[in-house]
Amino acid sequence: MSSSETTTRSRILQAALRLIESGAKTITMSAIADEAGLSRQALYLAFSDKSDLFIALLRFADGRRGIVQEQARIRAAESGIAALLAIIDLQARLSPAYKPLADAFDVLRRQDPAAQNAWQDRQNDRLEGCRAVAARIAAEGKLRLGLDTSTAADLIWTTTSSTTWDDLVVKRGWTAAEYQKRLAELLLSLLVT
């Protein structure tokens, strides 16, 4: 990929992010092109369709938040339990800054299939990380008897979701420290022998 393609893609992603964070209820490719100061043709040269653009946008936003480094930290944890605690820590620290984009996508994905596809891509990626952690806990002989890794991964995935964080911290008023402590206690009691 050439430097100008990278610059064009970056301009498009930043423009789309601005539109979404501004609270726009519908986001068209034309609106994104206008915001980026590009033609629609230039936009389609960089992204094949809106789903492709939205998937890249969520990955771009995750990159800006340091998710790649956080995922590496989770994978490098000394044990499966330490990796589980690192997932909870990640959500406690990074969810506040991610909330505006998550809220915007929550509205957008309900009316735009491309946004839904992108959101699902991100959730699938998060689920794969939870599966890896559950498998690691099981391989270390620490998974609760009678609990399979698939169910354990589902429990980690849903309990550490941005929706759960929003419900507990924003709506119920938990502090980040309370969220982290209580979720750790809950998941350890559910999953670990």
N, C-alpha and C. Protein backbone atom coordinates (compact mmCIF):
# COMPACT_ATOMS: atom_id res chain seq x y z
N MET A 1 0.85 -1.17 0.00
CA MET A 1 0.00 0.00 0.00
C MET A 1 0.89 1.24 0.00
N SER A 2 0.60 2.16 -0.90
CA SER A 2 1.42 3.38 -1.00
C SER A 2 1.09 4.35 0.13
N SER A 3 1.98 5.31 0.30
CA SER A 3 1.79 6.31 1.35
C SER A 3 0.53 7.13 1.11
N SER A 4 0.24 7.46 -0.16
CA SER A 4 -0.96 8.26 -0.43
C SER A 4 -2.22 7.46 -0.16
N GLU A 5 -2.19 6.12 -0.42
CA GLU A 5 -3.35 5.29 -0.09
C GLU A 5 -3.56 5.26 1.42
N THR A 6 -2.48 5.16 2.17
CA THR A 6 -2.57 5.17 3.63
C THR A 6 -3.15 6.50 4.10
N THR A 7 -2.66 7.59 3.53
CA THR A 7 -3.15 8.90 3.91
C THR A 7 -4.63 9.06 3.57
N THR A 8 -5.03 8.60 2.39
CA THR A 8 -6.43 8.68 1.98
C THR A 8 -7.30 7.84 2.90
N ARG A 9 -6.88 6.60 3.17
CA ARG A 9 -7.65 5.74 4.08
C ARG A 9 -7.77 6.40 5.46
N SER A 10 -6.68 6.95 5.95
CA SER A 10 -6.69 7.61 7.25
C SER A 10 -7.65 8.80 7.25
N ARG A 11 -7.61 9.61 6.20
CA ARG A 11 -8.53 10.75 6.10
C ARG A 11 -9.98 10.29 6.13
N ILE A 12 -10.26 9.22 5.39
CA ILE A 12 -11.63 8.69 5.33
C ILE A 12 -12.06 8.18 6.70
N LEU A 13 -11.20 7.42 7.36
CA LEU A 13 -11.55 6.87 8.67
C LEU A 13 -11.74 7.97 9.70
N GLN A 14 -10.89 8.96 9.68
CA GLN A 14 -11.05 10.09 10.62
C GLN A 14 -12.34 10.85 10.33
N ALA A 15 -12.67 11.02 9.05
CA ALA A 15 -13.91 11.71 8.69
C ALA A 15 -15.13 10.91 9.17
N ALA A 16 -15.11 9.61 8.93
CA ALA A 16 -16.23 8.76 9.38
C ALA A 16 -16.35 8.79 10.89
N LEU A 17 -15.23 8.76 11.58
CA LEU A 17 -15.24 8.81 13.05
C LEU A 17 -15.84 10.13 13.53
N ARG A 18 -15.47 11.23 12.90
CA ARG A 18 -16.04 12.54 13.28
C ARG A 18 -17.56 12.54 13.08
N LEU A 19 -18.02 12.02 11.95
CA LEU A 19 -19.47 11.98 11.69
C LEU A 19 -20.20 11.14 12.72
N ILE A 20 -19.66 9.98 13.02
CA ILE A 20 -20.30 9.09 13.98
C ILE A 20 -20.31 9.71 15.37
N GLU A 21 -19.18 10.26 15.79
CA GLU A 21 -19.10 10.85 17.13
C GLU A 21 -19.92 12.13 17.24
N SER A 22 -20.27 12.74 16.10
CA SER A 22 -21.11 13.94 16.13
C SER A 22 -22.57 13.58 16.40
N GLY A 23 -22.88 12.28 16.35
CA GLY A 23 -24.24 11.85 16.64
C GLY A 23 -25.12 11.74 15.42
N ALA A 24 -24.55 11.77 14.22
CA ALA A 24 -25.34 11.63 13.00
C ALA A 24 -26.11 10.31 13.05
N LYS A 25 -27.38 10.37 12.74
CA LYS A 25 -28.23 9.18 12.82
C LYS A 25 -28.04 8.25 11.63
N THR A 26 -27.71 8.80 10.48
CA THR A 26 -27.39 8.00 9.31
C THR A 26 -26.08 8.51 8.74
N ILE A 27 -25.28 7.58 8.30
CA ILE A 27 -23.98 7.92 7.74
C ILE A 27 -23.94 7.34 6.33
N THR A 28 -23.87 8.20 5.33
CA THR A 28 -23.79 7.73 3.95
C THR A 28 -22.35 7.82 3.46
N MET A 29 -22.07 7.08 2.42
CA MET A 29 -20.74 7.15 1.81
C MET A 29 -20.50 8.55 1.27
N SER A 30 -21.54 9.19 0.74
CA SER A 30 -21.40 10.57 0.23
C SER A 30 -21.03 11.52 1.35
N ALA A 31 -21.69 11.36 2.51
CA ALA A 31 -21.40 12.24 3.65
C ALA A 31 -19.96 12.04 4.13
N ILE A 32 -19.50 10.78 4.13
CA ILE A 32 -18.13 10.50 4.55
C ILE A 32 -17.15 11.11 3.55
N ALA A 33 -17.43 10.94 2.26
CA ALA A 33 -16.56 11.52 1.23
C ALA A 33 -16.49 13.04 1.38
N ASP A 34 -17.64 13.67 1.57
CA ASP A 34 -17.68 15.14 1.76
C ASP A 34 -16.86 15.56 2.98
N GLU A 35 -17.06 14.85 4.09
CA GLU A 35 -16.34 15.17 5.33
C GLU A 35 -14.83 15.01 5.15
N ALA A 36 -14.44 14.03 4.33
CA ALA A 36 -13.01 13.77 4.09
C ALA A 36 -12.43 14.68 3.00
N GLY A 37 -13.31 15.42 2.32
CA GLY A 37 -12.86 16.27 1.23
C GLY A 37 -12.42 15.48 0.01
N LEU A 38 -13.11 14.37 -0.23
CA LEU A 38 -12.78 13.49 -1.35
C LEU A 38 -14.02 13.22 -2.20
N SER A 39 -13.80 12.71 -3.38
CA SER A 39 -14.92 12.28 -4.21
C SER A 39 -15.37 10.91 -3.73
N ARG A 40 -16.61 10.54 -4.10
CA ARG A 40 -17.09 9.20 -3.77
C ARG A 40 -16.23 8.15 -4.45
N GLN A 41 -15.76 8.46 -5.65
CA GLN A 41 -14.90 7.52 -6.38
C GLN A 41 -13.62 7.24 -5.59
N ALA A 42 -13.03 8.28 -5.03
CA ALA A 42 -11.81 8.10 -4.22
C ALA A 42 -12.12 7.25 -2.99
N LEU A 43 -13.29 7.47 -2.41
CA LEU A 43 -13.70 6.69 -1.24
C LEU A 43 -13.82 5.21 -1.60
N TYR A 44 -14.46 4.92 -2.74
CA TYR A 44 -14.64 3.53 -3.14
C TYR A 44 -13.35 2.89 -3.63
N LEU A 45 -12.36 3.68 -4.00
CA LEU A 45 -11.06 3.12 -4.32
C LEU A 45 -10.34 2.64 -3.05
N ALA A 46 -10.64 3.30 -1.96
CA ALA A 46 -10.02 2.94 -0.68
C ALA A 46 -10.79 1.84 0.05
N PHE A 47 -12.11 1.83 -0.07
CA PHE A 47 -12.98 0.86 0.62
C PHE A 47 -14.00 0.32 -0.36
N SER A 48 -14.16 -0.99 -0.40
CA SER A 48 -15.06 -1.60 -1.38
C SER A 48 -16.53 -1.28 -1.13
N ASP A 49 -16.90 -1.15 0.13
CA ASP A 49 -18.28 -0.80 0.48
C ASP A 49 -18.32 -0.27 1.91
N LYS A 50 -19.51 0.07 2.37
CA LYS A 50 -19.64 0.66 3.69
C LYS A 50 -19.28 -0.32 4.80
N SER A 51 -19.58 -1.60 4.62
CA SER A 51 -19.20 -2.59 5.64
C SER A 51 -17.69 -2.64 5.78
N ASP A 52 -16.99 -2.66 4.66
CA ASP A 52 -15.52 -2.66 4.67
C ASP A 52 -15.00 -1.42 5.40
N LEU A 53 -15.61 -0.28 5.13
CA LEU A 53 -15.19 0.97 5.78
C LEU A 53 -15.45 0.92 7.28
N PHE A 54 -16.65 0.48 7.68
CA PHE A 54 -16.98 0.45 9.11
C PHE A 54 -16.13 -0.55 9.88
N ILE A 55 -15.82 -1.71 9.27
CA ILE A 55 -14.94 -2.67 9.93
C ILE A 55 -13.57 -2.02 10.15
N ALA A 56 -13.06 -1.37 9.10
CA ALA A 56 -11.77 -0.68 9.22
C ALA A 56 -11.84 0.43 10.25
N LEU A 57 -12.98 1.11 10.34
CA LEU A 57 -13.15 2.20 11.29
C LEU A 57 -13.06 1.71 12.73
N LEU A 58 -13.75 0.61 13.04
CA LEU A 58 -13.69 0.10 14.41
C LEU A 58 -12.29 -0.40 14.74
N ARG A 59 -11.61 -1.00 13.78
CA ARG A 59 -10.23 -1.44 14.01
C ARG A 59 -9.31 -0.23 14.18
N PHE A 60 -9.56 0.82 13.41
CA PHE A 60 -8.80 2.07 13.51
C PHE A 60 -8.99 2.67 14.91
N ALA A 61 -10.25 2.73 15.36
CA ALA A 61 -10.55 3.28 16.70
C ALA A 61 -9.89 2.42 17.78
N ASP A 62 -9.94 1.09 17.62
CA ASP A 62 -9.28 0.21 18.58
C ASP A 62 -7.78 0.45 18.59
N GLY A 63 -7.20 0.65 17.41
CA GLY A 63 -5.77 0.93 17.32
C GLY A 63 -5.39 2.20 18.04
N ARG A 64 -6.23 3.23 17.90
CA ARG A 64 -5.97 4.50 18.59
C ARG A 64 -6.09 4.34 20.09
N ARG A 65 -6.89 3.40 20.55
CA ARG A 65 -7.06 3.15 21.99
C ARG A 65 -5.99 2.23 22.56
N GLY A 66 -5.14 1.67 21.70
CA GLY A 66 -4.09 0.78 22.18
C GLY A 66 -4.53 -0.65 22.38
N ILE A 67 -5.58 -1.06 21.70
CA ILE A 67 -6.11 -2.42 21.89
C ILE A 67 -5.10 -3.50 21.49
N VAL A 68 -4.33 -3.26 20.44
CA VAL A 68 -3.35 -4.27 20.00
C VAL A 68 -2.36 -4.54 21.12
N GLN A 69 -1.87 -3.49 21.77
CA GLN A 69 -0.93 -3.67 22.88
C GLN A 69 -1.62 -4.34 24.07
N GLU A 70 -2.87 -3.97 24.31
CA GLU A 70 -3.62 -4.59 25.41
C GLU A 70 -3.84 -6.08 25.16
N GLN A 71 -4.17 -6.43 23.92
CA GLN A 71 -4.35 -7.85 23.59
C GLN A 71 -3.05 -8.62 23.78
N ALA A 72 -1.94 -8.01 23.41
CA ALA A 72 -0.63 -8.65 23.61
C ALA A 72 -0.36 -8.84 25.10
N ARG A 73 -0.74 -7.87 25.91
CA ARG A 73 -0.56 -7.97 27.36
C ARG A 73 -1.40 -9.12 27.93
N ILE A 74 -2.62 -9.28 27.42
CA ILE A 74 -3.49 -10.37 27.86
C ILE A 74 -2.88 -11.71 27.48
N ARG A 75 -2.42 -11.83 26.23
CA ARG A 75 -1.80 -13.09 25.77
C ARG A 75 -0.53 -13.41 26.55
N ALA A 76 0.20 -12.39 26.98
CA ALA A 76 1.47 -12.60 27.69
C ALA A 76 1.29 -12.80 29.19
N ALA A 77 0.07 -12.73 29.67
CA ALA A 77 -0.17 -12.90 31.11
C ALA A 77 0.39 -14.24 31.57
N GLU A 78 0.81 -14.30 32.82
CA GLU A 78 1.50 -15.49 33.34
C GLU A 78 0.60 -16.72 33.47
N SER A 79 -0.71 -16.51 33.49
CA SER A 79 -1.64 -17.65 33.61
C SER A 79 -2.98 -17.26 32.98
N GLY A 80 -3.83 -18.26 32.83
CA GLY A 80 -5.17 -18.00 32.32
C GLY A 80 -5.96 -17.09 33.24
N ILE A 81 -5.81 -17.28 34.53
CA ILE A 81 -6.51 -16.42 35.50
C ILE A 81 -5.99 -14.99 35.41
N ALA A 82 -4.68 -14.82 35.27
CA ALA A 82 -4.11 -13.48 35.11
C ALA A 82 -4.61 -12.84 33.81
N ALA A 83 -4.78 -13.64 32.75
CA ALA A 83 -5.31 -13.13 31.48
C ALA A 83 -6.77 -12.68 31.65
N LEU A 84 -7.55 -13.46 32.40
CA LEU A 84 -8.94 -13.09 32.69
C LEU A 84 -8.99 -11.75 33.44
N LEU A 85 -8.16 -11.61 34.44
CA LEU A 85 -8.11 -10.36 35.20
C LEU A 85 -7.65 -9.19 34.33
N ALA A 86 -6.78 -9.47 33.35
CA ALA A 86 -6.33 -8.42 32.43
C ALA A 86 -7.46 -7.96 31.51
N ILE A 87 -8.35 -8.86 31.12
CA ILE A 87 -9.52 -8.47 30.31
C ILE A 87 -10.40 -7.52 31.12
N ILE A 88 -10.65 -7.87 32.36
CA ILE A 88 -11.49 -7.03 33.23
C ILE A 88 -10.83 -5.67 33.43
N ASP A 89 -9.54 -5.67 33.66
CA ASP A 89 -8.78 -4.43 33.83
C ASP A 89 -8.89 -3.55 32.57
N LEU A 90 -8.75 -4.18 31.41
CA LEU A 90 -8.85 -3.44 30.14
C LEU A 90 -10.20 -2.73 30.05
N GLN A 91 -11.27 -3.46 30.33
CA GLN A 91 -12.61 -2.85 30.25
C GLN A 91 -12.77 -1.71 31.25
N ALA A 92 -12.25 -1.89 32.44
CA ALA A 92 -12.37 -0.85 33.48
C ALA A 92 -11.64 0.42 33.07
N ARG A 93 -10.48 0.27 32.45
CA ARG A 93 -9.67 1.44 32.08
C ARG A 93 -10.10 2.09 30.77
N LEU A 94 -10.45 1.28 29.77
CA LEU A 94 -10.65 1.85 28.43
C LEU A 94 -12.10 2.14 28.06
N SER A 95 -13.04 1.56 28.75
CA SER A 95 -14.45 1.78 28.40
C SER A 95 -14.89 3.24 28.49
N PRO A 96 -14.44 4.02 29.46
CA PRO A 96 -14.89 5.42 29.50
C PRO A 96 -14.59 6.19 28.21
N ALA A 97 -13.40 6.02 27.67
CA ALA A 97 -13.03 6.74 26.45
C ALA A 97 -13.73 6.17 25.23
N TYR A 98 -14.09 4.89 25.28
CA TYR A 98 -14.73 4.23 24.14
C TYR A 98 -16.24 4.44 24.11
N LYS A 99 -16.82 4.87 25.22
CA LYS A 99 -18.27 4.98 25.34
C LYS A 99 -18.93 5.81 24.25
N PRO A 100 -18.42 6.99 23.89
CA PRO A 100 -19.10 7.76 22.83
C PRO A 100 -19.21 7.01 21.50
N LEU A 101 -18.16 6.31 21.11
CA LEU A 101 -18.21 5.54 19.87
C LEU A 101 -19.14 4.34 20.01
N ALA A 102 -19.07 3.65 21.13
CA ALA A 102 -19.95 2.50 21.36
C ALA A 102 -21.42 2.93 21.34
N ASP A 103 -21.73 4.05 21.97
CA ASP A 103 -23.10 4.56 21.97
C ASP A 103 -23.56 4.92 20.57
N ALA A 104 -22.69 5.58 19.82
CA ALA A 104 -23.04 5.97 18.45
C ALA A 104 -23.26 4.73 17.58
N PHE A 105 -22.40 3.74 17.71
CA PHE A 105 -22.57 2.52 16.93
C PHE A 105 -23.80 1.75 17.36
N ASP A 106 -24.15 1.82 18.64
CA ASP A 106 -25.35 1.13 19.11
C ASP A 106 -26.59 1.66 18.39
N VAL A 107 -26.67 2.96 18.20
CA VAL A 107 -27.79 3.55 17.46
C VAL A 107 -27.67 3.23 15.98
N LEU A 108 -26.50 3.45 15.43
CA LEU A 108 -26.27 3.30 14.00
C LEU A 108 -26.50 1.87 13.52
N ARG A 109 -26.05 0.90 14.30
CA ARG A 109 -26.13 -0.50 13.86
C ARG A 109 -27.56 -1.02 13.81
N ARG A 110 -28.46 -0.37 14.52
CA ARG A 110 -29.86 -0.80 14.53
C ARG A 110 -30.59 -0.43 13.23
N GLN A 111 -30.01 0.50 12.49
CA GLN A 111 -30.66 0.93 11.24
C GLN A 111 -29.78 0.77 10.02
N ASP A 112 -28.53 0.38 10.20
CA ASP A 112 -27.60 0.28 9.08
C ASP A 112 -26.91 -1.08 9.11
N PRO A 113 -27.24 -1.96 8.16
CA PRO A 113 -26.63 -3.30 8.14
C PRO A 113 -25.10 -3.27 8.09
N ALA A 114 -24.52 -2.28 7.42
CA ALA A 114 -23.06 -2.18 7.35
C ALA A 114 -22.48 -1.93 8.73
N ALA A 115 -23.12 -1.07 9.50
CA ALA A 115 -22.65 -0.81 10.87
C ALA A 115 -22.83 -2.05 11.74
N GLN A 116 -23.92 -2.77 11.55
CA GLN A 116 -24.15 -4.01 12.30
C GLN A 116 -23.07 -5.05 11.96
N ASN A 117 -22.73 -5.16 10.68
CA ASN A 117 -21.67 -6.10 10.28
C ASN A 117 -20.34 -5.75 10.95
N ALA A 118 -20.03 -4.47 10.97
CA ALA A 118 -18.77 -4.03 11.58
C ALA A 118 -18.77 -4.30 13.08
N TRP A 119 -19.88 -3.99 13.74
CA TRP A 119 -19.98 -4.22 15.18
C TRP A 119 -19.85 -5.72 15.48
N GLN A 120 -20.49 -6.55 14.65
CA GLN A 120 -20.42 -8.00 14.86
C GLN A 120 -18.99 -8.50 14.64
N ASP A 121 -18.29 -7.94 13.66
CA ASP A 121 -16.88 -8.30 13.44
C ASP A 121 -16.06 -8.02 14.69
N ARG A 122 -16.29 -6.86 15.29
CA ARG A 122 -15.56 -6.49 16.51
C ARG A 122 -15.91 -7.42 17.67
N GLN A 123 -17.20 -7.75 17.80
CA GLN A 123 -17.63 -8.64 18.88
C GLN A 123 -17.07 -10.05 18.69
N ASN A 124 -17.02 -10.51 17.44
CA ASN A 124 -16.45 -11.83 17.15
C ASN A 124 -14.97 -11.87 17.54
N ASP A 125 -14.26 -10.79 17.25
CA ASP A 125 -12.85 -10.71 17.62
C ASP A 125 -12.69 -10.76 19.14
N ARG A 126 -13.54 -10.04 19.86
CA ARG A 126 -13.49 -10.06 21.32
C ARG A 126 -13.81 -11.45 21.87
N LEU A 127 -14.80 -12.12 21.24
CA LEU A 127 -15.17 -13.47 21.66
C LEU A 127 -14.01 -14.44 21.46
N GLU A 128 -13.28 -14.31 20.36
CA GLU A 128 -12.11 -15.18 20.13
C GLU A 128 -11.08 -15.00 21.24
N GLY A 129 -10.88 -13.78 21.69
CA GLY A 129 -9.96 -13.54 22.80
C GLY A 129 -10.45 -14.20 24.08
N CYS A 130 -11.76 -14.13 24.32
CA CYS A 130 -12.34 -14.77 25.51
C CYS A 130 -12.21 -16.29 25.43
N ARG A 131 -12.37 -16.83 24.22
CA ARG A 131 -12.20 -18.29 24.03
C ARG A 131 -10.77 -18.71 24.35
N ALA A 132 -9.82 -17.91 23.91
CA ALA A 132 -8.41 -18.23 24.18
C ALA A 132 -8.13 -18.23 25.68
N VAL A 133 -8.69 -17.28 26.40
CA VAL A 133 -8.48 -17.21 27.84
C VAL A 133 -9.16 -18.39 28.53
N ALA A 134 -10.39 -18.72 28.14
CA ALA A 134 -11.10 -19.86 28.74
C ALA A 134 -10.34 -21.16 28.46
N ALA A 135 -9.83 -21.31 27.26
CA ALA A 135 -9.07 -22.52 26.92
C ALA A 135 -7.79 -22.61 27.75
N ARG A 136 -7.19 -21.47 27.98
CA ARG A 136 -5.96 -21.45 28.78
C ARG A 136 -6.26 -21.84 30.23
N ILE A 137 -7.34 -21.31 30.78
CA ILE A 137 -7.74 -21.67 32.16
C ILE A 137 -7.99 -23.18 32.24
N ALA A 138 -8.67 -23.71 31.23
CA ALA A 138 -8.96 -25.16 31.20
C ALA A 138 -7.67 -25.96 31.08
N ALA A 139 -6.77 -25.55 30.19
CA ALA A 139 -5.50 -26.27 29.99
C ALA A 139 -4.66 -26.28 31.25
N GLU A 140 -4.81 -25.26 32.07
CA GLU A 140 -4.06 -25.19 33.33
C GLU A 140 -4.76 -25.96 34.45
N GLY A 141 -5.89 -26.60 34.12
CA GLY A 141 -6.61 -27.39 35.11
C GLY A 141 -7.36 -26.56 36.12
N LYS A 142 -7.67 -25.32 35.79
CA LYS A 142 -8.31 -24.42 36.75
C LYS A 142 -9.80 -24.16 36.46
N LEU A 143 -10.32 -24.68 35.32
CA LEU A 143 -11.71 -24.44 34.98
C LEU A 143 -12.63 -25.28 35.87
N ARG A 144 -13.67 -24.64 36.38
CA ARG A 144 -14.61 -25.31 37.29
C ARG A 144 -15.12 -26.61 36.67
N LEU A 145 -15.17 -27.66 37.45
CA LEU A 145 -15.63 -28.97 37.02
C LEU A 145 -17.05 -28.86 36.45
N GLY A 146 -17.27 -29.47 35.31
CA GLY A 146 -18.58 -29.47 34.68
C GLY A 146 -18.82 -28.28 33.76
N LEU A 147 -17.89 -27.35 33.72
CA LEU A 147 -18.03 -26.18 32.86
C LEU A 147 -17.15 -26.36 31.63
N ASP A 148 -17.73 -26.23 30.44
CA ASP A 148 -16.92 -26.37 29.23
C ASP A 148 -16.35 -25.01 28.82
N THR A 149 -15.31 -25.05 28.01
CA THR A 149 -14.62 -23.81 27.63
C THR A 149 -15.50 -22.87 26.82
N SER A 150 -16.41 -23.44 26.03
CA SER A 150 -17.29 -22.59 25.22
C SER A 150 -18.21 -21.76 26.12
N THR A 151 -18.79 -22.40 27.11
CA THR A 151 -19.66 -21.68 28.06
C THR A 151 -18.86 -20.68 28.87
N ALA A 152 -17.67 -21.07 29.30
CA ALA A 152 -16.81 -20.16 30.06
C ALA A 152 -16.48 -18.92 29.22
N ALA A 153 -16.16 -19.13 27.94
CA ALA A 153 -15.86 -18.00 27.05
C ALA A 153 -17.07 -17.09 26.90
N ASP A 154 -18.25 -17.69 26.74
CA ASP A 154 -19.47 -16.89 26.63
C ASP A 154 -19.70 -16.04 27.88
N LEU A 155 -19.45 -16.63 29.04
CA LEU A 155 -19.63 -15.89 30.29
C LEU A 155 -18.63 -14.73 30.41
N ILE A 156 -17.38 -14.97 30.03
CA ILE A 156 -16.38 -13.90 30.05
C ILE A 156 -16.79 -12.80 29.07
N TRP A 157 -17.18 -13.20 27.87
CA TRP A 157 -17.53 -12.26 26.79
C TRP A 157 -18.70 -11.35 27.19
N THR A 158 -19.75 -11.95 27.70
CA THR A 158 -20.94 -11.14 28.02
C THR A 158 -20.74 -10.31 29.28
N THR A 159 -20.05 -10.87 30.27
CA THR A 159 -19.84 -10.16 31.53
C THR A 159 -18.91 -8.96 31.35
N THR A 160 -17.96 -9.06 30.43
CA THR A 160 -17.01 -7.97 30.22
C THR A 160 -17.39 -7.10 29.02
N SER A 161 -18.62 -7.18 28.56
CA SER A 161 -19.05 -6.39 27.40
C SER A 161 -19.16 -4.91 27.75
N SER A 162 -19.12 -4.08 26.72
CA SER A 162 -19.29 -2.63 26.94
C SER A 162 -20.68 -2.33 27.47
N THR A 163 -21.66 -3.15 27.12
CA THR A 163 -23.03 -2.95 27.63
C THR A 163 -23.07 -3.17 29.13
N THR A 164 -22.42 -4.24 29.61
CA THR A 164 -22.40 -4.51 31.05
C THR A 164 -21.65 -3.40 31.78
N TRP A 165 -20.51 -2.97 31.22
CA TRP A 165 -19.76 -1.87 31.83
C TRP A 165 -20.66 -0.63 31.93
N ASP A 166 -21.36 -0.30 30.84
CA ASP A 166 -22.23 0.87 30.82
C ASP A 166 -23.34 0.75 31.87
N ASP A 167 -23.96 -0.42 31.93
CA ASP A 167 -25.04 -0.63 32.90
C ASP A 167 -24.55 -0.45 34.34
N LEU A 168 -23.39 -1.00 34.65
CA LEU A 168 -22.92 -0.97 36.04
C LEU A 168 -22.25 0.35 36.42
N VAL A 169 -21.41 0.88 35.54
CA VAL A 169 -20.65 2.08 35.88
C VAL A 169 -21.46 3.34 35.61
N VAL A 170 -22.02 3.46 34.43
CA VAL A 170 -22.73 4.69 34.07
C VAL A 170 -24.12 4.73 34.70
N LYS A 171 -24.87 3.66 34.54
CA LYS A 171 -26.26 3.68 35.01
C LYS A 171 -26.41 3.40 36.50
N ARG A 172 -25.58 2.50 37.03
CA ARG A 172 -25.70 2.16 38.45
C ARG A 172 -24.70 2.91 39.33
N GLY A 173 -23.74 3.59 38.73
CA GLY A 173 -22.84 4.44 39.50
C GLY A 173 -21.64 3.76 40.13
N TRP A 174 -21.31 2.54 39.68
CA TRP A 174 -20.12 1.89 40.22
C TRP A 174 -18.88 2.66 39.80
N THR A 175 -17.87 2.67 40.64
CA THR A 175 -16.58 3.23 40.24
C THR A 175 -15.85 2.18 39.40
N ALA A 176 -14.80 2.62 38.73
CA ALA A 176 -13.99 1.68 37.95
C ALA A 176 -13.40 0.61 38.86
N ALA A 177 -12.98 1.01 40.04
CA ALA A 177 -12.39 0.05 40.99
C ALA A 177 -13.44 -0.97 41.45
N GLU A 178 -14.65 -0.50 41.73
CA GLU A 178 -15.72 -1.43 42.13
C GLU A 178 -16.05 -2.40 40.99
N TYR A 179 -16.15 -1.86 39.78
CA TYR A 179 -16.41 -2.70 38.60
C TYR A 179 -15.34 -3.79 38.51
N GLN A 180 -14.09 -3.38 38.58
CA GLN A 180 -12.99 -4.32 38.42
C GLN A 180 -13.01 -5.39 39.53
N LYS A 181 -13.16 -4.97 40.76
CA LYS A 181 -13.15 -5.90 41.89
C LYS A 181 -14.33 -6.86 41.83
N ARG A 182 -15.53 -6.34 41.62
CA ARG A 182 -16.73 -7.18 41.65
C ARG A 182 -16.80 -8.14 40.46
N LEU A 183 -16.39 -7.67 39.27
CA LEU A 183 -16.39 -8.58 38.12
C LEU A 183 -15.34 -9.67 38.28
N ALA A 184 -14.20 -9.31 38.84
CA ALA A 184 -13.17 -10.31 39.08
C ALA A 184 -13.70 -11.37 40.05
N GLU A 185 -14.32 -10.93 41.14
CA GLU A 185 -14.88 -11.87 42.12
C GLU A 185 -15.94 -12.75 41.47
N LEU A 186 -16.83 -12.15 40.69
CA LEU A 186 -17.91 -12.90 40.04
C LEU A 186 -17.36 -13.94 39.08
N LEU A 187 -16.50 -13.51 38.16
CA LEU A 187 -16.00 -14.45 37.15
C LEU A 187 -15.10 -15.52 37.77
N LEU A 188 -14.29 -15.17 38.74
CA LEU A 188 -13.48 -16.19 39.39
C LEU A 188 -14.36 -17.21 40.11
N SER A 189 -15.42 -16.77 40.74
CA SER A 189 -16.30 -17.71 41.44
C SER A 189 -17.09 -18.58 40.45
N LEU A 190 -17.41 -18.04 39.30
CA LEU A 190 -18.16 -18.80 38.29
C LEU A 190 -17.30 -19.80 37.53
N LEU A 191 -16.06 -19.42 37.24
CA LEU A 191 -15.25 -20.18 36.29
C LEU A 191 -14.15 -21.03 36.89
N VAL A 192 -13.62 -20.62 38.02
CA VAL A 192 -12.37 -21.22 38.50
C VAL A 192 -12.63 -22.16 39.68
N THR A 193 -11.89 -23.30 39.67
CA THR A 193 -12.02 -24.26 40.77
C THR A 193 -11.42 -23.70 42.04
